[in-house]
Protein backbone atom coordinates (compact mmCIF):
# COMPACT_ATOMS: atom_id res chain seq x y z
CA UNK A 1 53.39 94.97 24.27
CA UNK A 2 56.93 94.51 22.97
CA UNK A 3 57.75 91.96 25.69
CA UNK A 4 54.54 90.07 24.96
CA UNK A 5 55.39 89.98 21.28
CA UNK A 6 58.85 88.64 22.08
CA UNK A 7 57.42 85.98 24.37
CA UNK A 8 54.93 84.77 21.75
CA UNK A 9 56.24 81.52 20.24
CA UNK A 10 57.10 81.62 16.57
CA UNK A 11 54.83 79.54 14.38
CA UNK A 12 56.61 76.70 12.59
CA UNK A 13 57.09 77.10 8.85
CA UNK A 14 55.22 74.99 6.32
CA UNK A 15 58.39 73.02 5.54
CA UNK A 16 58.92 72.28 9.24
CA UNK A 17 55.31 71.15 9.57
CA UNK A 18 55.82 68.85 6.60
CA UNK A 19 58.96 67.43 8.19
CA UNK A 20 56.98 66.65 11.35
CA UNK A 21 54.64 64.36 9.43
CA UNK A 22 56.20 60.97 8.77
CA UNK A 23 54.29 60.20 5.59
CA UNK A 24 54.92 63.68 4.18
CA UNK A 25 58.61 63.41 5.07
CA UNK A 26 58.77 60.05 3.32
CA UNK A 27 57.14 61.65 0.27
CA UNK A 28 59.64 64.52 0.35
CA UNK A 29 62.55 62.09 0.46
CA UNK A 30 61.16 60.20 -2.54
CA UNK A 31 60.67 63.47 -4.40
CA UNK A 32 64.26 64.53 -3.72
CA UNK A 33 65.55 61.15 -4.94
CA UNK A 34 63.58 61.26 -8.19
CA UNK A 35 64.21 64.94 -8.89
CA UNK A 36 67.91 64.50 -8.10
CA UNK A 37 68.11 61.46 -10.36
CA UNK A 38 66.41 63.36 -13.19
CA UNK A 39 68.57 66.48 -12.84
CA UNK A 40 71.85 64.61 -12.62
CA UNK A 41 70.99 61.79 -15.03
CA UNK A 42 73.91 62.58 -17.41
CA UNK A 43 76.36 62.14 -14.51
CA UNK A 44 74.59 59.32 -12.66
CA UNK A 45 73.76 57.12 -15.65
CA UNK A 46 76.54 54.55 -16.14
CA UNK A 47 75.77 54.22 -19.87
CA UNK A 48 74.15 56.04 -22.76
CA UNK A 49 70.42 55.23 -22.44
CA UNK A 50 70.10 54.53 -26.17
CA UNK A 51 73.29 52.49 -26.62
CA UNK A 52 72.68 48.89 -27.65
CA UNK A 53 75.44 46.78 -26.13
CA UNK A 54 76.81 43.79 -28.02
CA UNK A 55 77.06 41.92 -24.72
CA UNK A 56 73.73 43.30 -23.47
CA UNK A 57 71.78 40.20 -24.46
CA UNK A 58 72.17 36.50 -23.75
CA UNK A 59 73.27 34.04 -26.42
CA UNK A 60 69.58 33.34 -27.03
CA UNK A 61 68.91 37.09 -27.52
CA UNK A 62 67.08 37.58 -24.22
CA UNK A 63 67.61 40.57 -21.85
CA UNK A 64 70.24 40.22 -19.12
CA UNK A 65 69.14 39.95 -15.50
CA UNK A 66 70.12 42.68 -12.97
CA UNK A 67 73.68 42.57 -11.69
CA UNK A 68 77.28 43.06 -12.75
CA UNK A 69 77.78 45.68 -15.44
CA UNK A 70 74.05 46.39 -15.74
CA UNK A 71 72.60 47.07 -12.28
CA UNK A 72 68.93 46.74 -13.32
CA UNK A 73 69.59 44.44 -16.25
CA UNK A 74 69.04 45.24 -19.93
CA UNK A 75 65.98 45.62 -22.12
CA UNK A 76 64.99 43.74 -25.27
CA UNK A 77 67.53 45.73 -27.35
CA UNK A 78 70.41 45.27 -24.94
CA UNK A 79 70.22 48.80 -23.49
CA UNK A 80 71.00 49.53 -19.84
CA UNK A 81 67.71 49.69 -17.96
CA UNK A 82 69.05 51.78 -15.06
CA UNK A 83 70.27 54.50 -17.43
CA UNK A 84 66.95 54.53 -19.27
CA UNK A 85 65.07 54.82 -15.98
CA UNK A 86 67.11 57.89 -14.98
CA UNK A 87 66.40 59.60 -18.30
CA UNK A 88 62.79 58.41 -18.09
CA UNK A 89 62.49 60.27 -14.78
CA UNK A 90 63.46 63.43 -16.67
CA UNK A 91 60.71 62.83 -19.20
CA UNK A 92 58.06 62.15 -16.55
CA UNK A 93 58.97 65.17 -14.44
CA UNK A 94 59.25 67.56 -17.39
CA UNK A 95 55.83 66.53 -18.65
CA UNK A 96 54.43 66.49 -15.11
CA UNK A 97 55.62 70.02 -14.29
CA UNK A 98 54.92 71.60 -17.69
CA UNK A 99 51.54 69.95 -18.23
CA UNK A 100 50.33 70.48 -14.68
CA UNK A 101 51.61 74.07 -14.61
CA UNK A 102 49.84 74.86 -17.88
CA UNK A 103 46.64 73.19 -16.69
CA UNK A 104 46.84 75.16 -13.44
CA UNK A 105 47.18 78.47 -15.29
CA UNK A 106 44.31 77.70 -17.68
CA UNK A 107 42.05 76.44 -14.88
CA UNK A 108 42.84 79.42 -12.65
CA UNK A 109 42.17 81.97 -15.40
CA UNK A 110 38.83 80.40 -16.32
CA UNK A 111 37.77 79.75 -12.72
CA UNK A 112 38.68 83.24 -11.46
CA UNK A 113 37.07 84.98 -14.44
CA UNK A 114 33.85 82.97 -14.15
CA UNK A 115 33.67 83.24 -10.35
CA UNK A 116 34.42 86.95 -10.14
CA UNK A 117 32.46 88.39 -13.09
CA UNK A 118 29.72 85.75 -13.14
CA UNK A 119 26.74 86.67 -15.32
CA UNK A 120 26.78 85.57 -19.00
CA UNK A 121 30.61 85.39 -19.02
CA UNK A 122 30.72 83.06 -16.04
CA UNK A 123 27.85 80.96 -17.35
CA UNK A 124 29.51 80.42 -20.75
CA UNK A 125 32.89 79.57 -19.21
CA UNK A 126 31.46 77.10 -16.70
CA UNK A 127 29.20 75.42 -19.28
CA UNK A 128 32.31 74.94 -21.41
CA UNK A 129 34.04 73.48 -18.35
CA UNK A 130 31.11 71.11 -17.78
CA UNK A 131 31.29 70.07 -21.42
CA UNK A 132 34.98 69.26 -21.08
CA UNK A 133 34.33 67.29 -17.89
CA UNK A 134 31.76 65.17 -19.75
CA UNK A 135 34.49 63.69 -21.96
CA UNK A 136 36.56 60.84 -20.46
CA UNK A 137 39.98 62.45 -19.94
CA UNK A 138 41.98 59.39 -21.00
CA UNK A 139 39.94 58.81 -24.17
CA UNK A 140 40.17 62.49 -25.14
CA UNK A 141 43.93 62.51 -24.48
CA UNK A 142 44.43 59.38 -26.62
CA UNK A 143 42.48 60.91 -29.52
CA UNK A 144 44.32 64.23 -29.36
CA UNK A 145 47.75 62.62 -29.00
CA UNK A 146 47.10 60.29 -31.94
CA UNK A 147 45.92 63.14 -34.18
CA UNK A 148 48.80 65.49 -33.29
CA UNK A 149 51.62 62.93 -33.77
CA UNK A 150 52.93 62.72 -30.21
CA UNK A 151 56.20 64.14 -28.98
CA UNK A 152 57.30 65.18 -25.51
CA UNK A 153 55.88 68.71 -25.73
CA UNK A 154 52.75 67.68 -27.62
CA UNK A 155 51.99 65.10 -24.94
CA UNK A 156 52.49 67.75 -22.24
CA UNK A 157 50.05 70.14 -23.95
CA UNK A 158 47.50 67.36 -24.55
CA UNK A 159 47.57 66.40 -20.87
CA UNK A 160 47.25 70.07 -19.87
CA UNK A 161 44.22 70.43 -22.16
CA UNK A 162 42.35 67.57 -20.48
CA UNK A 163 43.43 68.29 -16.89
CA UNK A 164 42.50 71.95 -16.33
CA UNK A 165 38.79 71.36 -15.69
CA UNK A 166 39.11 70.19 -12.07
CA UNK A 167 41.20 73.23 -11.18
CA UNK A 168 38.70 75.54 -12.88
CA UNK A 169 35.83 74.05 -10.88
CA UNK A 170 37.60 74.40 -7.53
CA UNK A 171 38.84 77.92 -8.27
CA UNK A 172 35.39 78.99 -9.49
CA UNK A 173 33.75 77.83 -6.25
CA UNK A 174 36.28 79.60 -4.04
CA UNK A 175 36.29 82.78 -6.13
CA UNK A 176 32.49 82.96 -6.08
CA UNK A 177 32.58 82.73 -2.29
CA UNK A 178 35.33 85.35 -1.96
CA UNK A 179 33.59 87.77 -4.33
CA UNK A 180 30.65 87.97 -1.92
CA UNK A 181 32.76 88.78 1.16
CA UNK A 182 32.43 92.15 2.89
CA UNK A 183 36.05 93.18 2.29
CA UNK A 184 35.58 92.79 -1.47
CA UNK A 185 32.40 94.90 -1.32
CA UNK A 186 34.32 97.52 0.69
CA UNK A 187 37.09 97.60 -1.94
CA UNK A 188 34.52 98.15 -4.69
CA UNK A 189 32.88 100.93 -2.67
CA UNK A 190 36.26 102.65 -2.33
CA UNK A 191 36.63 102.59 -6.09
CA UNK A 192 39.16 99.77 -6.46
CA UNK A 193 39.41 98.40 -9.98
CA UNK A 194 38.96 94.78 -10.99
CA UNK A 195 42.70 94.28 -11.42
CA UNK A 196 43.51 95.44 -7.90
CA UNK A 197 40.77 93.28 -6.37
CA UNK A 198 41.82 90.20 -8.33
CA UNK A 199 45.58 90.48 -7.77
CA UNK A 200 45.61 91.98 -4.26
CA UNK A 201 42.72 90.09 -2.66
CA UNK A 202 41.31 87.18 -4.68
CA UNK A 203 44.47 85.46 -5.92
CA UNK A 204 46.37 85.63 -2.58
CA UNK A 205 43.44 83.84 -0.92
CA UNK A 206 43.53 81.19 -3.65
CA UNK A 207 47.27 80.59 -3.32
CA UNK A 208 47.09 77.75 -0.71
CA UNK A 209 44.58 75.88 -2.88
CA UNK A 210 46.71 76.36 -5.99
CA UNK A 211 49.82 75.10 -4.18
CA UNK A 212 47.99 71.94 -3.15
CA UNK A 213 46.63 71.36 -6.66
CA UNK A 214 50.05 72.03 -8.15
CA UNK A 215 51.46 69.22 -6.01
CA UNK A 216 48.63 66.71 -6.33
CA UNK A 217 48.23 67.35 -10.05
CA UNK A 218 51.76 66.24 -10.87
CA UNK A 219 51.03 62.68 -9.72
CA UNK A 220 47.93 62.55 -11.94
CA UNK A 221 49.91 63.95 -14.86
CA UNK A 222 52.74 61.43 -14.43
CA UNK A 223 50.26 58.54 -14.38
CA UNK A 224 48.46 59.85 -17.47
CA UNK A 225 51.74 60.31 -19.36
CA UNK A 226 52.80 56.76 -18.47
CA UNK A 227 49.43 55.46 -19.66
CA UNK A 228 49.66 57.29 -22.99
CA UNK A 229 53.24 56.12 -23.53
CA UNK A 230 52.27 52.53 -22.68
CA UNK A 231 49.45 52.71 -25.24
CA UNK A 232 51.88 53.95 -27.88
CA UNK A 233 50.47 57.50 -28.23
CA UNK A 234 52.75 59.17 -25.70
CA UNK A 235 56.46 59.92 -25.79
CA UNK A 236 57.93 58.00 -28.70
CA UNK A 237 61.09 55.83 -28.64
CA UNK A 238 64.02 56.15 -28.53
CA UNK A 239 63.26 58.88 -25.95
CA UNK A 240 63.14 57.08 -22.61
CA UNK A 241 59.86 57.20 -20.71
CA UNK A 242 58.74 54.90 -17.93
CA UNK A 243 55.54 54.18 -19.84
CA UNK A 244 57.19 53.27 -23.12
CA UNK A 245 59.83 51.18 -21.29
CA UNK A 246 56.96 48.99 -20.06
CA UNK A 247 55.34 49.07 -23.52
CA UNK A 248 58.52 47.99 -25.31
CA UNK A 249 59.29 45.15 -22.89
CA UNK A 250 55.81 43.80 -22.09
CA UNK A 251 56.43 40.66 -24.13
CA UNK A 252 59.12 39.71 -21.58
CA UNK A 253 56.70 39.99 -18.64
CA UNK A 254 57.21 36.37 -17.62
CA UNK A 255 60.81 35.71 -18.63
CA UNK A 256 62.22 39.13 -17.56
CA UNK A 257 59.68 40.61 -15.10
CA UNK A 258 62.09 43.30 -13.87
CA UNK A 259 61.60 45.13 -17.17
CA UNK A 260 57.97 45.75 -16.19
CA UNK A 261 58.06 45.80 -12.40
CA UNK A 262 60.93 48.26 -11.92
CA UNK A 263 59.58 51.07 -14.14
CA UNK A 264 56.09 50.36 -12.80
CA UNK A 265 57.39 50.74 -9.24
CA UNK A 266 59.04 54.04 -10.22
CA UNK A 267 55.75 55.37 -11.58
CA UNK A 268 53.86 54.36 -8.43
CA UNK A 269 56.55 55.71 -6.10
CA UNK A 270 56.68 59.10 -7.81
CA UNK A 271 52.88 59.42 -7.83
CA UNK A 272 52.76 58.35 -4.18
CA UNK A 273 55.42 60.91 -3.22
CA UNK A 274 53.51 63.85 -4.69
CA UNK A 275 50.22 62.59 -3.26
CA UNK A 276 51.65 62.30 0.25
CA UNK A 277 53.14 65.80 0.12
CA UNK A 278 49.98 67.24 -1.47
CA UNK A 279 47.72 65.71 1.18
CA UNK A 280 49.93 67.09 3.94
CA UNK A 281 50.00 70.55 2.34
CA UNK A 282 46.22 70.51 2.10
CA UNK A 283 45.92 69.80 5.83
CA UNK A 284 48.54 72.40 6.75
CA UNK A 285 47.31 75.22 4.49
CA UNK A 286 43.59 74.65 5.01
CA UNK A 287 42.46 77.06 7.78
CA UNK A 288 39.75 74.62 8.91
CA UNK A 289 42.43 72.03 9.71
CA UNK A 290 44.75 74.31 11.70
CA UNK A 291 44.97 73.56 15.38
CA UNK A 292 44.18 69.86 14.90
CA UNK A 293 47.80 68.69 14.62
């Protein structure tokens, strides 16, 4: 028995499986670049993101093109675009992680409670979830952000409030299925309390799903934050955000297209990175997909 156990090949870790997938590896590299740029922005940024340079505009008052002192050029106020993009990555990732994490907690609590207890409690919680799903998420987020006078943390909470419903639906479905399994019935027969069943049996089975949603949800959150900032109800200037960088410089779309294309490319690349990793994690952690690689 011992020799057989030694001879059995060790299963590769999740990280190694991710590294074996080219698209997932590409997504991981992009994530490392953006997260590294956000964390080390004070040291990587060549200039203060809010400093308006006297020589940051042309004689006609137009933004400078990329090159020389300003690698990505300057914006309409003569500020270094590269520095603002680095600090904008901080804003996007902070909102993405905080908002998505909060939405994940809210959705998990509602989904697990409704799926496990069911009855009137589950019916009320899921009807409330259906009601929230009936509202267009973007329209609801715009209304809430406008009413609450947007700031970084207000925007994060607004996005969390409109994004928890999908998680609640998925968690409810899985919890309902788990609650009917024989091992849960056996635990109840042995006198196990609700807390033990939920924390020792239900939540560990939900963990792979939550990890996948935690990854995929960040890309959705980043896109929603950029949309709100572009519409003027997100993170407010002078705080750098990729969305408000595009909003501030949209009038220069034709004469200085880099002011729109570069932050737009950053938004798409970050969303793509988390989507690629999330899709790979879903395939790796889903038991129905194992053995197909």
